[in-house]
Amino acid sequence: MRARLDRFSLNYSYYSGYLRNTVVDVLYQPLRHVGFGLGIRDLFGHLHIDKSDWQGKARTTFTGPTAFMTVSG
């Protein structure tokens, strides 16, 4: 089993926001150099703009299952 959480945030002038990436995988390696896995991914983004002539927000989300194969040498 493998889990990962990444976060990138930025504040500059009138702009602020962040990206968050979450990963959870279950791995099975029946052979020495070959493995298989199933997992779930979640990517979330948020942007906020605070200017006197324009104010706004943007949000986006991507969530879904994954299936993969690993090969090593």
PDB file of N, CA and C in Angstrom:
ATOM      1  N   MET A   1       0.846  -1.168   0.000  1.00  0.00           N
ATOM      2  CA  MET A   1       0.000   0.000   0.000  1.00  0.00           C
ATOM      3  C   MET A   1       0.895   1.235   0.000  1.00  0.00           C
ATOM      4  N   ARG A   2       0.439   2.273  -0.688  1.00  0.00           N
ATOM      5  CA  ARG A   2       1.204   3.512  -0.804  1.00  0.00           C
ATOM      6  C   ARG A   2       0.228   4.686  -0.747  1.00  0.00           C
ATOM      7  N   ALA A   3       0.614   5.747  -0.032  1.00  0.00           N
ATOM      8  CA  ALA A   3      -0.196   6.962   0.050  1.00  0.00           C
ATOM      9  C   ALA A   3       0.719   8.167  -0.124  1.00  0.00           C
ATOM     10  N   ARG A   4       0.167   9.227  -0.725  1.00  0.00           N
ATOM     11  CA  ARG A   4       0.961  10.427  -0.976  1.00  0.00           C
ATOM     12  C   ARG A   4       0.037  11.640  -0.959  1.00  0.00           C
ATOM     13  N   LEU A   5       0.544  12.743  -0.396  1.00  0.00           N
ATOM     14  CA  LEU A   5      -0.182  14.001  -0.385  1.00  0.00           C
ATOM     15  C   LEU A   5       0.795  15.101  -0.773  1.00  0.00           C
ATOM     16  N   ASP A   6       0.468  15.852  -1.824  1.00  0.00           N
ATOM     17  CA  ASP A   6       1.282  16.976  -2.282  1.00  0.00           C
ATOM     18  C   ASP A   6       0.438  18.240  -2.212  1.00  0.00           C
ATOM     19  N   ARG A   7       1.066  19.341  -1.826  1.00  0.00           N
ATOM     20  CA  ARG A   7       0.368  20.630  -1.804  1.00  0.00           C
ATOM     21  C   ARG A   7       1.348  21.707  -2.263  1.00  0.00           C
ATOM     22  N   PHE A   8       0.868  22.552  -3.178  1.00  0.00           N
ATOM     23  CA  PHE A   8       1.630  23.691  -3.677  1.00  0.00           C
ATOM     24  C   PHE A   8       0.753  24.920  -3.507  1.00  0.00           C
ATOM     25  N   SER A   9       1.247  25.922  -2.795  1.00  0.00           N
ATOM     26  CA  SER A   9       0.466  27.143  -2.623  1.00  0.00           C
ATOM     27  C   SER A   9       1.297  28.348  -3.035  1.00  0.00           C
ATOM     28  N   LEU A  10       0.599  29.409  -3.452  1.00  0.00           N
ATOM     29  CA  LEU A  10       1.264  30.613  -3.934  1.00  0.00           C
ATOM     30  C   LEU A  10       0.403  31.820  -3.595  1.00  0.00           C
ATOM     31  N   ASN A  11       1.046  32.837  -3.037  1.00  0.00           N
ATOM     32  CA  ASN A  11       0.407  34.127  -2.788  1.00  0.00           C
ATOM     33  C   ASN A  11       1.296  35.189  -3.413  1.00  0.00           C
ATOM     34  N   TYR A  12       0.739  35.941  -4.367  1.00  0.00           N
ATOM     35  CA  TYR A  12       1.504  36.974  -5.049  1.00  0.00           C
ATOM     36  C   TYR A  12       0.563  38.116  -5.406  1.00  0.00           C
ATOM     37  N   SER A  13       0.847  39.265  -4.895  1.00  0.00           N
ATOM     38  CA  SER A  13       0.088  40.468  -5.179  1.00  0.00           C
ATOM     39  C   SER A  13      -1.400  40.228  -4.900  1.00  0.00           C
ATOM     40  N   TYR A  14      -2.239  40.290  -5.921  1.00  0.00           N
ATOM     41  CA  TYR A  14      -3.681  40.114  -5.768  1.00  0.00           C
ATOM     42  C   TYR A  14      -4.119  38.652  -5.872  1.00  0.00           C
ATOM     43  N   TYR A  15      -3.208  37.768  -6.143  1.00  0.00           N
ATOM     44  CA  TYR A  15      -3.537  36.377  -6.444  1.00  0.00           C
ATOM     45  C   TYR A  15      -3.131  35.453  -5.302  1.00  0.00           C
ATOM     46  N   SER A  16      -3.969  34.493  -5.008  1.00  0.00           N
ATOM     47  CA  SER A  16      -3.630  33.453  -4.042  1.00  0.00           C
ATOM     48  C   SER A  16      -4.317  32.163  -4.481  1.00  0.00           C
ATOM     49  N   GLY A  17      -3.672  31.056  -4.180  1.00  0.00           N
ATOM     50  CA  GLY A  17      -4.270  29.788  -4.558  1.00  0.00           C
ATOM     51  C   GLY A  17      -3.390  28.618  -4.191  1.00  0.00           C
ATOM     52  N   TYR A  18      -3.911  27.426  -4.450  1.00  0.00           N
ATOM     53  CA  TYR A  18      -3.141  26.221  -4.167  1.00  0.00           C
ATOM     54  C   TYR A  18      -3.630  25.057  -5.026  1.00  0.00           C
ATOM     55  N   LEU A  19      -2.766  24.063  -5.147  1.00  0.00           N
ATOM     56  CA  LEU A  19      -3.084  22.778  -5.765  1.00  0.00           C
ATOM     57  C   LEU A  19      -2.820  21.699  -4.728  1.00  0.00           C
ATOM     58  N   ARG A  20      -3.723  20.747  -4.626  1.00  0.00           N
ATOM     59  CA  ARG A  20      -3.543  19.624  -3.714  1.00  0.00           C
ATOM     60  C   ARG A  20      -3.749  18.324  -4.485  1.00  0.00           C
ATOM     61  N   ASN A  21      -2.812  17.408  -4.349  1.00  0.00           N
ATOM     62  CA  ASN A  21      -2.862  16.118  -5.034  1.00  0.00           C
ATOM     63  C   ASN A  21      -2.793  15.010  -3.979  1.00  0.00           C
ATOM     64  N   THR A  22      -3.759  14.104  -3.995  1.00  0.00           N
ATOM     65  CA  THR A  22      -3.797  12.990  -3.056  1.00  0.00           C
ATOM     66  C   THR A  22      -3.833  11.692  -3.843  1.00  0.00           C
ATOM     67  N   VAL A  23      -3.029  10.732  -3.418  1.00  0.00           N
ATOM     68  CA  VAL A  23      -2.922   9.437  -4.104  1.00  0.00           C
ATOM     69  C   VAL A  23      -2.946   8.321  -3.061  1.00  0.00           C
ATOM     70  N   VAL A  24      -3.749   7.295  -3.293  1.00  0.00           N
ATOM     71  CA  VAL A  24      -3.734   6.081  -2.478  1.00  0.00           C
ATOM     72  C   VAL A  24      -3.730   4.905  -3.450  1.00  0.00           C
ATOM     73  N   ASP A  25      -2.721   4.031  -3.322  1.00  0.00           N
ATOM     74  CA  ASP A  25      -2.571   2.883  -4.219  1.00  0.00           C
ATOM     75  C   ASP A  25      -2.414   1.598  -3.411  1.00  0.00           C
ATOM     76  N   VAL A  26      -2.901   0.511  -3.981  1.00  0.00           N
ATOM     77  CA  VAL A  26      -2.658  -0.830  -3.467  1.00  0.00           C
ATOM     78  C   VAL A  26      -1.880  -1.570  -4.545  1.00  0.00           C
ATOM     79  N   LEU A  27      -0.722  -2.115  -4.189  1.00  0.00           N
ATOM     80  CA  LEU A  27       0.177  -2.756  -5.150  1.00  0.00           C
ATOM     81  C   LEU A  27       0.269  -4.257  -4.891  1.00  0.00           C
ATOM     82  N   TYR A  28       0.392  -5.019  -5.973  1.00  0.00           N
ATOM     83  CA  TYR A  28       0.608  -6.463  -5.903  1.00  0.00           C
ATOM     84  C   TYR A  28       1.712  -6.802  -6.891  1.00  0.00           C
ATOM     85  N   GLN A  29       2.773  -7.448  -6.417  1.00  0.00           N
ATOM     86  CA  GLN A  29       3.909  -7.770  -7.266  1.00  0.00           C
ATOM     87  C   GLN A  29       4.129  -9.287  -7.273  1.00  0.00           C
ATOM     88  N   PRO A  30       3.454  -9.991  -8.194  1.00  0.00           N
ATOM     89  CA  PRO A  30       3.565 -11.453  -8.227  1.00  0.00           C
ATOM     90  C   PRO A  30       4.902 -11.936  -8.790  1.00  0.00           C
ATOM     91  N   LEU A  31       5.559 -11.126  -9.595  1.00  0.00           N
ATOM     92  CA  LEU A  31       6.844 -11.473 -10.185  1.00  0.00           C
ATOM     93  C   LEU A  31       7.901 -10.480  -9.722  1.00  0.00           C
ATOM     94  N   ARG A  32       9.154 -10.851  -9.832  1.00  0.00           N
ATOM     95  CA  ARG A  32      10.242 -10.006  -9.339  1.00  0.00           C
ATOM     96  C   ARG A  32      10.277  -8.628  -9.996  1.00  0.00           C
ATOM     97  N   HIS A  33      10.004  -8.554 -11.290  1.00  0.00           N
ATOM     98  CA  HIS A  33      10.122  -7.297 -12.032  1.00  0.00           C
ATOM     99  C   HIS A  33       8.789  -6.759 -12.550  1.00  0.00           C
ATOM    100  N   VAL A  34       7.672  -7.371 -12.190  1.00  0.00           N
ATOM    101  CA  VAL A  34       6.364  -6.950 -12.700  1.00  0.00           C
ATOM    102  C   VAL A  34       5.376  -6.848 -11.532  1.00  0.00           C
ATOM    103  N   GLY A  35       4.659  -5.734 -11.496  1.00  0.00           N
ATOM    104  CA  GLY A  35       3.647  -5.536 -10.470  1.00  0.00           C
ATOM    105  C   GLY A  35       2.396  -4.900 -11.044  1.00  0.00           C
ATOM    106  N   PHE A  36       1.316  -4.997 -10.296  1.00  0.00           N
ATOM    107  CA  PHE A  36       0.025  -4.454 -10.711  1.00  0.00           C
ATOM    108  C   PHE A  36      -0.574  -3.675  -9.559  1.00  0.00           C
ATOM    109  N   GLY A  37      -1.384  -2.670  -9.876  1.00  0.00           N
ATOM    110  CA  GLY A  37      -1.966  -1.873  -8.807  1.00  0.00           C
ATOM    111  C   GLY A  37      -3.286  -1.244  -9.178  1.00  0.00           C
ATOM    112  N   LEU A  38      -4.015  -0.899  -8.137  1.00  0.00           N
ATOM    113  CA  LEU A  38      -5.263  -0.149  -8.242  1.00  0.00           C
ATOM    114  C   LEU A  38      -5.163   1.012  -7.268  1.00  0.00           C
ATOM    115  N   GLY A  39      -5.775   2.116  -7.633  1.00  0.00           N
ATOM    116  CA  GLY A  39      -5.687   3.268  -6.748  1.00  0.00           C
ATOM    117  C   GLY A  39      -6.749   4.296  -7.028  1.00  0.00           C
ATOM    118  N   ILE A  40      -6.674   5.373  -6.284  1.00  0.00           N
ATOM    119  CA  ILE A  40      -7.575   6.504  -6.454  1.00  0.00           C
ATOM    120  C   ILE A  40      -6.745   7.781  -6.437  1.00  0.00           C
ATOM    121  N   ARG A  41      -7.100   8.727  -7.275  1.00  0.00           N
ATOM    122  CA  ARG A  41      -6.410  10.018  -7.378  1.00  0.00           C
ATOM    123  C   ARG A  41      -7.419  11.129  -7.116  1.00  0.00           C
ATOM    124  N   ASP A  42      -6.936  12.194  -6.472  1.00  0.00           N
ATOM    125  CA  ASP A  42      -7.763  13.368  -6.216  1.00  0.00           C
ATOM    126  C   ASP A  42      -6.889  14.600  -6.424  1.00  0.00           C
ATOM    127  N   LEU A  43      -7.258  15.443  -7.377  1.00  0.00           N
ATOM    128  CA  LEU A  43      -6.532  16.680  -7.661  1.00  0.00           C
ATOM    129  C   LEU A  43      -7.503  17.836  -7.468  1.00  0.00           C
ATOM    130  N   PHE A  44      -7.141  18.781  -6.620  1.00  0.00           N
ATOM    131  CA  PHE A  44      -8.008  19.909  -6.308  1.00  0.00           C
ATOM    132  C   PHE A  44      -7.224  21.199  -6.474  1.00  0.00           C
ATOM    133  N   GLY A  45      -7.804  22.158  -7.173  1.00  0.00           N
ATOM    134  CA  GLY A  45      -7.166  23.454  -7.374  1.00  0.00           C
ATOM    135  C   GLY A  45      -8.087  24.590  -6.982  1.00  0.00           C
ATOM    136  N   HIS A  46      -7.515  25.644  -6.416  1.00  0.00           N
ATOM    137  CA  HIS A  46      -8.288  26.810  -5.981  1.00  0.00           C
ATOM    138  C   HIS A  46      -7.482  28.075  -6.283  1.00  0.00           C
ATOM    139  N   LEU A  47      -8.124  29.064  -6.885  1.00  0.00           N
ATOM    140  CA  LEU A  47      -7.489  30.344  -7.205  1.00  0.00           C
ATOM    141  C   LEU A  47      -8.416  31.462  -6.766  1.00  0.00           C
ATOM    142  N   HIS A  48      -7.858  32.462  -6.098  1.00  0.00           N
ATOM    143  CA  HIS A  48      -8.629  33.615  -5.636  1.00  0.00           C
ATOM    144  C   HIS A  48      -7.921  34.884  -6.111  1.00  0.00           C
ATOM    145  N   ILE A  49      -8.686  35.780  -6.737  1.00  0.00           N
ATOM    146  CA  ILE A  49      -8.154  37.061  -7.212  1.00  0.00           C
ATOM    147  C   ILE A  49      -8.913  38.173  -6.508  1.00  0.00           C
ATOM    148  N   ASP A  50      -8.179  39.075  -5.856  1.00  0.00           N
ATOM    149  CA  ASP A  50      -8.798  40.150  -5.083  1.00  0.00           C
ATOM    150  C   ASP A  50      -8.209  41.491  -5.527  1.00  0.00           C
ATOM    151  N   LYS A  51      -8.767  42.036  -6.607  1.00  0.00           N
ATOM    152  CA  LYS A  51      -8.363  43.348  -7.105  1.00  0.00           C
ATOM    153  C   LYS A  51      -9.548  44.295  -6.955  1.00  0.00           C
ATOM    154  N   SER A  52      -9.270  45.579  -6.915  1.00  0.00           N
ATOM    155  CA  SER A  52     -10.358  46.543  -6.729  1.00  0.00           C
ATOM    156  C   SER A  52     -11.331  46.566  -7.909  1.00  0.00           C
ATOM    157  N   ASP A  53     -10.845  46.308  -9.136  1.00  0.00           N
ATOM    158  CA  ASP A  53     -11.723  46.336 -10.298  1.00  0.00           C
ATOM    159  C   ASP A  53     -12.243  44.959 -10.710  1.00  0.00           C
ATOM    160  N   TRP A  54     -11.755  43.888 -10.071  1.00  0.00           N
ATOM    161  CA  TRP A  54     -12.217  42.545 -10.418  1.00  0.00           C
ATOM    162  C   TRP A  54     -11.983  41.603  -9.250  1.00  0.00           C
ATOM    163  N   GLN A  55     -12.992  40.864  -8.873  1.00  0.00           N
ATOM    164  CA  GLN A  55     -12.855  39.862  -7.822  1.00  0.00           C
ATOM    165  C   GLN A  55     -13.417  38.549  -8.343  1.00  0.00           C
ATOM    166  N   GLY A  56     -12.746  37.471  -8.024  1.00  0.00           N
ATOM    167  CA  GLY A  56     -13.248  36.195  -8.511  1.00  0.00           C
ATOM    168  C   GLY A  56     -12.549  35.017  -7.867  1.00  0.00           C
ATOM    169  N   LYS A  57     -13.127  33.854  -8.089  1.00  0.00           N
ATOM    170  CA  LYS A  57     -12.581  32.595  -7.597  1.00  0.00           C
ATOM    171  C   LYS A  57     -12.729  31.548  -8.681  1.00  0.00           C
ATOM    172  N   ALA A  58     -11.811  30.610  -8.673  1.00  0.00           N
ATOM    173  CA  ALA A  58     -11.896  29.472  -9.588  1.00  0.00           C
ATOM    174  C   ALA A  58     -11.545  28.214  -8.790  1.00  0.00           C
ATOM    175  N   ARG A  59     -12.325  27.167  -8.982  1.00  0.00           N
ATOM    176  CA  ARG A  59     -12.069  25.898  -8.315  1.00  0.00           C
ATOM    177  C   ARG A  59     -12.234  24.780  -9.328  1.00  0.00           C
ATOM    178  N   THR A  60     -11.389  23.785  -9.208  1.00  0.00           N
ATOM    179  CA  THR A  60     -11.503  22.622 -10.086  1.00  0.00           C
ATOM    180  C   THR A  60     -11.140  21.373  -9.291  1.00  0.00           C
ATOM    181  N   THR A  61     -11.777  20.265  -9.632  1.00  0.00           N
ATOM    182  CA  THR A  61     -11.526  18.995  -8.949  1.00  0.00           C
ATOM    183  C   THR A  61     -11.510  17.881  -9.976  1.00  0.00           C
ATOM    184  N   PHE A  62     -10.569  16.979  -9.812  1.00  0.00           N
ATOM    185  CA  PHE A  62     -10.506  15.757 -10.618  1.00  0.00           C
ATOM    186  C   PHE A  62     -10.328  14.599  -9.647  1.00  0.00           C
ATOM    187  N   THR A  63     -11.235  13.645  -9.672  1.00  0.00           N
ATOM    188  CA  THR A  63     -11.145  12.467  -8.816  1.00  0.00           C
ATOM    189  C   THR A  63     -11.479  11.247  -9.658  1.00  0.00           C
ATOM    190  N   GLY A  64     -10.694  10.190  -9.504  1.00  0.00           N
ATOM    191  CA  GLY A  64     -11.002   8.993 -10.258  1.00  0.00           C
ATOM    192  C   GLY A  64     -10.107   7.821  -9.915  1.00  0.00           C
ATOM    193  N   PRO A  65     -10.559   6.646 -10.316  1.00  0.00           N
ATOM    194  CA  PRO A  65      -9.785   5.434 -10.072  1.00  0.00           C
ATOM    195  C   PRO A  65      -8.664   5.270 -11.094  1.00  0.00           C
ATOM    196  N   THR A  66      -7.651   4.502 -10.735  1.00  0.00           N
ATOM    197  CA  THR A  66      -6.556   4.192 -11.651  1.00  0.00           C
ATOM    198  C   THR A  66      -6.227   2.705 -11.560  1.00  0.00           C
ATOM    199  N   ALA A  67      -5.762   2.184 -12.656  1.00  0.00           N
ATOM    200  CA  ALA A  67      -5.220   0.830 -12.716  1.00  0.00           C
ATOM    201  C   ALA A  67      -3.888   0.941 -13.439  1.00  0.00           C
ATOM    202  N   PHE A  68      -2.852   0.252 -12.945  1.00  0.00           N
ATOM    203  CA  PHE A  68      -1.542   0.412 -13.544  1.00  0.00           C
ATOM    204  C   PHE A  68      -0.712  -0.845 -13.396  1.00  0.00           C
ATOM    205  N   MET A  69       0.354  -0.874 -14.178  1.00  0.00           N
ATOM    206  CA  MET A  69       1.322  -1.970 -14.167  1.00  0.00           C
ATOM    207  C   MET A  69       2.718  -1.381 -14.019  1.00  0.00           C
ATOM    208  N   THR A  70       3.539  -1.967 -13.180  1.00  0.00           N
ATOM    209  CA  THR A  70       4.914  -1.498 -13.017  1.00  0.00           C
ATOM    210  C   THR A  70       5.872  -2.568 -13.539  1.00  0.00           C
ATOM    211  N   VAL A  71       6.918  -2.099 -14.191  1.00  0.00           N
ATOM    212  CA  VAL A  71       7.969  -2.990 -14.721  1.00  0.00           C
ATOM    213  C   VAL A  71       9.313  -2.400 -14.324  1.00  0.00           C
ATOM    214  N   SER A  72      10.189  -3.224 -13.752  1.00  0.00           N
ATOM    215  CA  SER A  72      11.514  -2.755 -13.369  1.00  0.00           C
ATOM    216  C   SER A  72      12.570  -3.673 -13.969  1.00  0.00           C
ATOM    217  N   GLY A  73      13.773  -3.139 -14.086  1.00  0.00           N
ATOM    218  CA  GLY A  73      14.847  -3.919 -14.706  1.00  0.00           C
ATOM    219  C   GLY A  73      15.887  -4.384 -13.737  1.00  0.00           C
TER     220      GLY A  73
END
